[in-house]
Amino acid sequence: MSKFNPNTEPPKGFAIFKNVNSVAEDSDKFRRVLWTGTHSQLVIMTVPVGGEIGEETHHVDQHLFFLAGNGQAIEGGTKKTSISPGDLVIVPAGTLHNFINTGATPWVVATVYAPAEHKADTVHDTLEQGEKLEEAGKDEPPSWAKS
């Protein structure tokens, strides 16, 4: 599978991403969908130094695997936990959360939403661009990916 060629139709068979750390680190975009299935979605994120994912609550579960950089997880607006490469955080649907890059380098994250949260070929350059598209209803998952 091409490094940045997301599927926009229901998947058939495997999607293999060799060295996902390298794939994620090669993306300079805040958010990029790599793969969308009927029940989940793989997204990579690059959060700039001092940046954040943005405080939010999803209607889906989210699993975040931190590949490079350091930061802080914030649950419910108050509970803070330091996050390092290799850490995995699972955010159940309905949980208020944010992640802030407190390190000296970009924070690289692979995240799985279950079910899909974004349009199948989403690429957001910045958090602000993503928020505008989401508010305008232009970043909805495909109908075949909703459960």
N, C-alpha and C. Protein backbone atom coordinates (compact mmCIF):
# COMPACT_ATOMS: atom_id res chain seq x y z
N MET A 1 0.85 -1.18 0.00
CA MET A 1 0.00 0.00 0.00
C MET A 1 0.89 1.24 0.00
N SER A 2 0.55 2.21 -0.82
CA SER A 2 1.31 3.45 -0.91
C SER A 2 1.30 4.17 0.43
N LYS A 3 2.39 4.86 0.73
CA LYS A 3 2.55 5.51 2.02
C LYS A 3 1.38 6.44 2.35
N PHE A 4 0.98 7.29 1.42
CA PHE A 4 -0.09 8.26 1.68
C PHE A 4 -1.18 8.15 0.63
N ASN A 5 -1.72 6.96 0.45
CA ASN A 5 -2.78 6.75 -0.53
C ASN A 5 -3.94 6.04 0.17
N PRO A 6 -4.77 6.81 0.91
CA PRO A 6 -5.84 6.18 1.68
C PRO A 6 -6.92 5.58 0.79
N ASN A 7 -7.54 4.53 1.28
CA ASN A 7 -8.67 3.94 0.56
C ASN A 7 -9.90 4.82 0.76
N THR A 8 -10.68 4.97 -0.29
CA THR A 8 -11.92 5.74 -0.19
C THR A 8 -13.14 4.88 -0.47
N GLU A 9 -12.92 3.59 -0.60
CA GLU A 9 -13.98 2.61 -0.77
C GLU A 9 -13.81 1.56 0.32
N PRO A 10 -14.84 0.77 0.61
CA PRO A 10 -14.68 -0.28 1.63
C PRO A 10 -13.47 -1.16 1.31
N PRO A 11 -12.68 -1.48 2.31
CA PRO A 11 -11.46 -2.25 2.06
C PRO A 11 -11.74 -3.69 1.67
N LYS A 12 -10.83 -4.22 0.88
CA LYS A 12 -10.85 -5.64 0.51
C LYS A 12 -9.47 -6.19 0.79
N GLY A 13 -9.35 -7.00 1.79
CA GLY A 13 -8.06 -7.59 2.14
C GLY A 13 -7.23 -6.70 3.05
N PHE A 14 -6.00 -7.13 3.25
CA PHE A 14 -5.07 -6.47 4.16
C PHE A 14 -4.68 -5.09 3.69
N ALA A 15 -4.29 -4.26 4.64
CA ALA A 15 -3.55 -3.02 4.39
C ALA A 15 -2.30 -3.15 5.26
N ILE A 16 -1.15 -3.15 4.65
CA ILE A 16 0.10 -3.32 5.39
C ILE A 16 0.91 -2.03 5.28
N PHE A 17 1.27 -1.49 6.43
CA PHE A 17 2.11 -0.31 6.49
C PHE A 17 3.44 -0.73 7.12
N LYS A 18 4.46 -0.83 6.31
CA LYS A 18 5.78 -1.22 6.81
C LYS A 18 6.37 -0.05 7.59
N ASN A 19 6.87 -0.34 8.78
CA ASN A 19 7.50 0.65 9.65
C ASN A 19 6.61 1.88 9.83
N VAL A 20 5.52 1.71 10.54
CA VAL A 20 4.55 2.79 10.72
C VAL A 20 5.20 4.01 11.39
N ASN A 21 6.23 3.81 12.19
CA ASN A 21 6.94 4.97 12.77
C ASN A 21 7.48 5.86 11.67
N SER A 22 8.14 5.25 10.69
CA SER A 22 8.71 6.01 9.58
C SER A 22 7.61 6.65 8.74
N VAL A 23 6.54 5.93 8.48
CA VAL A 23 5.42 6.48 7.71
C VAL A 23 4.88 7.73 8.42
N ALA A 24 4.67 7.62 9.71
CA ALA A 24 4.13 8.74 10.48
C ALA A 24 5.11 9.91 10.52
N GLU A 25 6.39 9.62 10.74
CA GLU A 25 7.37 10.70 10.82
C GLU A 25 7.57 11.40 9.48
N ASP A 26 7.27 10.73 8.37
CA ASP A 26 7.40 11.34 7.04
C ASP A 26 6.25 12.29 6.72
N SER A 27 5.21 12.30 7.53
CA SER A 27 4.08 13.20 7.30
C SER A 27 4.29 14.47 8.10
N ASP A 28 4.20 15.60 7.44
CA ASP A 28 4.32 16.88 8.15
C ASP A 28 2.94 17.50 8.42
N LYS A 29 1.90 16.72 8.20
CA LYS A 29 0.53 17.21 8.38
C LYS A 29 0.05 16.96 9.80
N PHE A 30 -0.79 17.85 10.31
CA PHE A 30 -1.35 17.67 11.65
C PHE A 30 -2.13 16.36 11.73
N ARG A 31 -2.96 16.10 10.71
CA ARG A 31 -3.77 14.88 10.71
C ARG A 31 -3.84 14.33 9.29
N ARG A 32 -3.65 13.01 9.17
CA ARG A 32 -3.73 12.35 7.86
C ARG A 32 -4.31 10.95 8.05
N VAL A 33 -5.44 10.70 7.39
CA VAL A 33 -6.03 9.37 7.42
C VAL A 33 -5.22 8.45 6.52
N LEU A 34 -4.83 7.30 7.05
CA LEU A 34 -4.10 6.30 6.26
C LEU A 34 -5.02 5.20 5.74
N TRP A 35 -6.03 4.84 6.55
CA TRP A 35 -6.88 3.70 6.19
C TRP A 35 -8.21 3.83 6.91
N THR A 36 -9.29 3.48 6.21
CA THR A 36 -10.62 3.47 6.81
C THR A 36 -11.27 2.13 6.54
N GLY A 37 -11.73 1.50 7.60
CA GLY A 37 -12.45 0.24 7.48
C GLY A 37 -13.92 0.44 7.83
N THR A 38 -14.66 -0.63 7.79
CA THR A 38 -16.07 -0.53 8.11
C THR A 38 -16.30 -0.33 9.62
N HIS A 39 -15.30 -0.66 10.45
CA HIS A 39 -15.46 -0.54 11.89
C HIS A 39 -14.35 0.23 12.59
N SER A 40 -13.34 0.71 11.86
CA SER A 40 -12.25 1.45 12.48
C SER A 40 -11.53 2.30 11.43
N GLN A 41 -10.61 3.14 11.92
CA GLN A 41 -9.88 4.04 11.03
C GLN A 41 -8.51 4.32 11.63
N LEU A 42 -7.47 4.25 10.78
CA LEU A 42 -6.10 4.55 11.19
C LEU A 42 -5.72 5.94 10.71
N VAL A 43 -5.26 6.76 11.65
CA VAL A 43 -4.88 8.15 11.37
C VAL A 43 -3.50 8.40 11.98
N ILE A 44 -2.66 9.16 11.27
CA ILE A 44 -1.40 9.59 11.87
C ILE A 44 -1.47 11.09 12.09
N MET A 45 -0.81 11.53 13.15
CA MET A 45 -0.82 12.95 13.50
C MET A 45 0.59 13.41 13.82
N THR A 46 0.88 14.64 13.45
CA THR A 46 2.13 15.29 13.82
C THR A 46 1.75 16.59 14.51
N VAL A 47 1.98 16.62 15.82
CA VAL A 47 1.60 17.77 16.63
C VAL A 47 2.85 18.64 16.82
N PRO A 48 2.80 19.91 16.39
CA PRO A 48 3.99 20.75 16.50
C PRO A 48 4.38 21.04 17.94
N VAL A 49 5.62 21.44 18.14
CA VAL A 49 6.11 21.82 19.47
C VAL A 49 5.19 22.89 20.04
N GLY A 50 4.72 22.66 21.26
CA GLY A 50 3.80 23.59 21.91
C GLY A 50 2.36 23.44 21.46
N GLY A 51 2.11 22.58 20.47
CA GLY A 51 0.76 22.38 19.95
C GLY A 51 -0.02 21.37 20.76
N GLU A 52 -1.26 21.18 20.34
CA GLU A 52 -2.13 20.23 21.02
C GLU A 52 -3.07 19.57 20.03
N ILE A 53 -3.67 18.48 20.44
CA ILE A 53 -4.68 17.81 19.62
C ILE A 53 -6.00 18.58 19.71
N GLY A 54 -6.21 19.23 20.82
CA GLY A 54 -7.43 20.01 21.02
C GLY A 54 -8.39 19.29 21.94
N GLU A 55 -8.91 20.00 22.93
CA GLU A 55 -9.84 19.39 23.88
C GLU A 55 -11.11 18.98 23.16
N GLU A 56 -11.50 17.72 23.34
CA GLU A 56 -12.66 17.20 22.60
C GLU A 56 -13.22 15.99 23.31
N THR A 57 -14.43 15.65 22.89
CA THR A 57 -15.10 14.43 23.32
C THR A 57 -15.63 13.76 22.06
N HIS A 58 -15.27 12.51 21.84
CA HIS A 58 -15.73 11.78 20.65
C HIS A 58 -16.91 10.88 21.00
N HIS A 59 -17.67 10.52 19.98
CA HIS A 59 -18.73 9.52 20.13
C HIS A 59 -18.20 8.13 19.76
N VAL A 60 -16.89 8.05 19.51
CA VAL A 60 -16.22 6.79 19.16
C VAL A 60 -15.08 6.56 20.14
N ASP A 61 -14.59 5.33 20.21
CA ASP A 61 -13.39 5.03 21.00
C ASP A 61 -12.17 5.47 20.20
N GLN A 62 -11.11 5.85 20.91
CA GLN A 62 -9.87 6.26 20.26
C GLN A 62 -8.69 5.63 20.99
N HIS A 63 -7.80 4.99 20.22
CA HIS A 63 -6.57 4.41 20.75
C HIS A 63 -5.42 5.22 20.17
N LEU A 64 -4.59 5.81 21.01
CA LEU A 64 -3.48 6.64 20.55
C LEU A 64 -2.16 5.99 20.94
N PHE A 65 -1.31 5.74 19.94
CA PHE A 65 0.01 5.15 20.17
C PHE A 65 1.04 6.22 19.85
N PHE A 66 1.81 6.61 20.84
CA PHE A 66 2.76 7.71 20.70
C PHE A 66 4.11 7.17 20.21
N LEU A 67 4.51 7.65 19.04
CA LEU A 67 5.68 7.12 18.35
C LEU A 67 6.95 7.93 18.58
N ALA A 68 6.84 9.25 18.66
CA ALA A 68 8.01 10.11 18.85
C ALA A 68 7.58 11.38 19.55
N GLY A 69 8.46 11.95 20.34
CA GLY A 69 8.18 13.18 21.06
C GLY A 69 7.60 12.91 22.44
N ASN A 70 7.37 13.97 23.18
CA ASN A 70 6.86 13.87 24.54
C ASN A 70 5.74 14.87 24.75
N GLY A 71 4.86 14.54 25.67
CA GLY A 71 3.75 15.44 25.93
C GLY A 71 2.98 15.05 27.15
N GLN A 72 1.77 15.57 27.19
CA GLN A 72 0.92 15.39 28.35
C GLN A 72 -0.49 15.03 27.90
N ALA A 73 -1.04 13.99 28.52
CA ALA A 73 -2.45 13.62 28.32
C ALA A 73 -3.26 14.31 29.40
N ILE A 74 -4.40 14.86 29.00
CA ILE A 74 -5.28 15.51 29.97
C ILE A 74 -6.66 14.88 29.85
N GLU A 75 -7.11 14.27 30.94
CA GLU A 75 -8.41 13.59 30.96
C GLU A 75 -9.38 14.41 31.80
N GLY A 76 -10.55 14.65 31.24
CA GLY A 76 -11.59 15.35 31.99
C GLY A 76 -11.24 16.80 32.31
N GLY A 77 -10.26 17.37 31.62
CA GLY A 77 -9.89 18.76 31.84
C GLY A 77 -8.92 18.99 32.98
N THR A 78 -8.68 17.97 33.81
CA THR A 78 -7.83 18.20 35.00
C THR A 78 -6.77 17.13 35.24
N LYS A 79 -7.06 15.87 34.98
CA LYS A 79 -6.10 14.80 35.27
C LYS A 79 -5.01 14.77 34.20
N LYS A 80 -3.75 15.01 34.61
CA LYS A 80 -2.63 15.12 33.67
C LYS A 80 -1.65 13.97 33.87
N THR A 81 -1.19 13.40 32.74
CA THR A 81 -0.24 12.31 32.77
C THR A 81 0.82 12.55 31.69
N SER A 82 2.09 12.40 32.04
CA SER A 82 3.17 12.54 31.06
C SER A 82 3.15 11.37 30.10
N ILE A 83 3.40 11.65 28.81
CA ILE A 83 3.38 10.64 27.76
C ILE A 83 4.70 10.66 27.02
N SER A 84 5.25 9.46 26.74
CA SER A 84 6.53 9.30 26.05
C SER A 84 6.38 8.33 24.89
N PRO A 85 7.38 8.27 24.00
CA PRO A 85 7.31 7.31 22.89
C PRO A 85 7.10 5.88 23.41
N GLY A 86 6.23 5.16 22.75
CA GLY A 86 5.90 3.79 23.14
C GLY A 86 4.67 3.69 24.01
N ASP A 87 4.17 4.82 24.52
CA ASP A 87 2.97 4.80 25.36
C ASP A 87 1.72 4.66 24.49
N LEU A 88 0.73 3.99 25.02
CA LEU A 88 -0.56 3.79 24.38
C LEU A 88 -1.64 4.31 25.33
N VAL A 89 -2.52 5.16 24.81
CA VAL A 89 -3.63 5.68 25.60
C VAL A 89 -4.93 5.32 24.89
N ILE A 90 -5.86 4.76 25.62
CA ILE A 90 -7.18 4.42 25.08
C ILE A 90 -8.19 5.36 25.70
N VAL A 91 -8.90 6.08 24.83
CA VAL A 91 -9.90 7.05 25.26
C VAL A 91 -11.28 6.50 24.90
N PRO A 92 -12.07 6.06 25.88
CA PRO A 92 -13.41 5.56 25.58
C PRO A 92 -14.31 6.69 25.07
N ALA A 93 -15.25 6.36 24.24
CA ALA A 93 -16.24 7.32 23.75
C ALA A 93 -16.84 8.07 24.93
N GLY A 94 -17.05 9.37 24.75
CA GLY A 94 -17.67 10.18 25.79
C GLY A 94 -16.71 10.78 26.80
N THR A 95 -15.41 10.54 26.66
CA THR A 95 -14.41 11.04 27.61
C THR A 95 -13.79 12.34 27.10
N LEU A 96 -13.90 13.41 27.87
CA LEU A 96 -13.26 14.67 27.54
C LEU A 96 -11.74 14.47 27.63
N HIS A 97 -11.02 14.88 26.58
CA HIS A 97 -9.58 14.66 26.56
C HIS A 97 -8.86 15.70 25.73
N ASN A 98 -7.55 15.80 25.97
CA ASN A 98 -6.66 16.62 25.16
C ASN A 98 -5.26 16.04 25.33
N PHE A 99 -4.40 16.34 24.37
CA PHE A 99 -3.00 15.93 24.41
C PHE A 99 -2.18 17.12 23.96
N ILE A 100 -1.18 17.50 24.78
CA ILE A 100 -0.38 18.69 24.51
C ILE A 100 1.08 18.28 24.35
N ASN A 101 1.71 18.75 23.27
CA ASN A 101 3.13 18.49 23.03
C ASN A 101 3.94 19.41 23.94
N THR A 102 4.60 18.83 24.93
CA THR A 102 5.44 19.60 25.85
C THR A 102 6.92 19.38 25.56
N GLY A 103 7.22 18.64 24.50
CA GLY A 103 8.61 18.33 24.18
C GLY A 103 9.25 19.35 23.25
N ALA A 104 10.49 19.04 22.87
CA ALA A 104 11.29 19.94 22.02
C ALA A 104 11.22 19.56 20.55
N THR A 105 10.47 18.50 20.22
CA THR A 105 10.35 18.05 18.83
C THR A 105 8.88 17.78 18.52
N PRO A 106 8.51 17.68 17.24
CA PRO A 106 7.13 17.32 16.92
C PRO A 106 6.73 16.00 17.59
N TRP A 107 5.47 15.90 17.94
CA TRP A 107 4.91 14.71 18.58
C TRP A 107 4.24 13.89 17.51
N VAL A 108 4.66 12.67 17.32
CA VAL A 108 4.14 11.82 16.25
C VAL A 108 3.28 10.73 16.88
N VAL A 109 2.04 10.64 16.38
CA VAL A 109 1.03 9.77 16.97
C VAL A 109 0.34 8.97 15.88
N ALA A 110 0.13 7.69 16.13
CA ALA A 110 -0.76 6.86 15.31
C ALA A 110 -1.99 6.61 16.16
N THR A 111 -3.17 6.87 15.59
CA THR A 111 -4.39 6.71 16.36
C THR A 111 -5.41 5.90 15.58
N VAL A 112 -6.15 5.08 16.30
CA VAL A 112 -7.22 4.29 15.71
C VAL A 112 -8.53 4.74 16.33
N TYR A 113 -9.45 5.12 15.47
CA TYR A 113 -10.82 5.43 15.89
C TYR A 113 -11.68 4.22 15.58
N ALA A 114 -12.61 3.91 16.49
CA ALA A 114 -13.51 2.79 16.24
C ALA A 114 -14.92 3.18 16.69
N PRO A 115 -15.82 3.40 15.75
CA PRO A 115 -15.67 3.37 14.30
C PRO A 115 -14.97 4.64 13.79
N ALA A 116 -14.92 4.80 12.48
CA ALA A 116 -14.22 5.93 11.86
C ALA A 116 -14.76 7.27 12.35
N GLU A 117 -13.88 8.25 12.41
CA GLU A 117 -14.22 9.59 12.88
C GLU A 117 -14.12 10.64 11.77
N HIS A 118 -13.29 10.37 10.75
CA HIS A 118 -12.99 11.37 9.72
C HIS A 118 -13.32 10.86 8.32
N LYS A 119 -13.40 11.79 7.39
CA LYS A 119 -13.53 11.48 5.97
C LYS A 119 -12.36 10.57 5.58
N ALA A 120 -12.58 9.64 4.67
CA ALA A 120 -11.58 8.61 4.36
C ALA A 120 -10.28 9.15 3.79
N ASP A 121 -10.29 10.31 3.15
CA ASP A 121 -9.05 10.86 2.60
C ASP A 121 -8.65 12.18 3.27
N THR A 122 -9.04 12.34 4.52
CA THR A 122 -8.74 13.57 5.25
C THR A 122 -7.25 13.83 5.37
N VAL A 123 -6.87 15.08 5.09
CA VAL A 123 -5.55 15.61 5.40
C VAL A 123 -5.78 17.01 5.94
N HIS A 124 -5.37 17.25 7.19
CA HIS A 124 -5.48 18.58 7.79
C HIS A 124 -4.06 19.09 8.01
N ASP A 125 -3.77 20.26 7.49
CA ASP A 125 -2.45 20.85 7.70
C ASP A 125 -2.26 21.28 9.15
N THR A 126 -3.33 21.77 9.78
CA THR A 126 -3.26 22.30 11.14
C THR A 126 -4.50 21.89 11.93
N LEU A 127 -4.42 22.03 13.24
CA LEU A 127 -5.57 21.81 14.11
C LEU A 127 -6.71 22.74 13.71
N GLU A 128 -6.40 24.00 13.46
CA GLU A 128 -7.42 24.99 13.14
C GLU A 128 -8.16 24.62 11.84
N GLN A 129 -7.42 24.17 10.84
CA GLN A 129 -8.06 23.75 9.58
C GLN A 129 -9.00 22.58 9.83
N GLY A 130 -8.54 21.61 10.62
CA GLY A 130 -9.37 20.46 10.94
C GLY A 130 -10.64 20.85 11.66
N GLU A 131 -10.53 21.75 12.64
CA GLU A 131 -11.71 22.19 13.39
C GLU A 131 -12.72 22.89 12.49
N LYS A 132 -12.24 23.74 11.56
CA LYS A 132 -13.14 24.45 10.64
C LYS A 132 -13.88 23.46 9.74
N LEU A 133 -13.15 22.48 9.21
CA LEU A 133 -13.79 21.49 8.33
C LEU A 133 -14.79 20.64 9.09
N GLU A 134 -14.45 20.26 10.32
CA GLU A 134 -15.36 19.47 11.13
C GLU A 134 -16.63 20.27 11.45
N GLU A 135 -16.46 21.54 11.84
CA GLU A 135 -17.62 22.39 12.17
C GLU A 135 -18.52 22.60 10.96
N ALA A 136 -17.92 22.63 9.76
CA ALA A 136 -18.69 22.83 8.52
C ALA A 136 -19.29 21.53 8.00
N GLY A 137 -19.06 20.43 8.69
CA GLY A 137 -19.60 19.14 8.26
C GLY A 137 -18.89 18.55 7.05
N LYS A 138 -17.64 18.97 6.81
CA LYS A 138 -16.89 18.52 5.63
C LYS A 138 -15.83 17.47 5.97
N ASP A 139 -15.93 16.88 7.15
CA ASP A 139 -14.96 15.86 7.55
C ASP A 139 -15.68 14.66 8.18
N GLU A 140 -16.78 14.26 7.57
CA GLU A 140 -17.57 13.15 8.09
C GLU A 140 -17.07 11.83 7.51
N PRO A 141 -17.10 10.77 8.30
CA PRO A 141 -16.70 9.46 7.76
C PRO A 141 -17.67 8.99 6.67
N PRO A 142 -17.19 8.14 5.77
CA PRO A 142 -18.08 7.63 4.72
C PRO A 142 -19.21 6.82 5.33
N SER A 143 -20.34 6.78 4.62
CA SER A 143 -21.52 6.07 5.15
C SER A 143 -21.23 4.60 5.37
N TRP A 144 -20.36 4.00 4.54
CA TRP A 144 -20.03 2.58 4.70
C TRP A 144 -19.16 2.31 5.92
N ALA A 145 -18.62 3.37 6.54
CA ALA A 145 -17.74 3.18 7.69
C ALA A 145 -18.44 3.49 9.01
N LYS A 146 -19.66 3.89 8.97
CA LYS A 146 -20.38 4.19 10.20
C LYS A 146 -21.06 2.95 10.72
N SER A 147 -21.06 2.83 12.04
CA SER A 147 -21.76 1.67 12.60
C SER A 147 -22.86 2.10 13.52
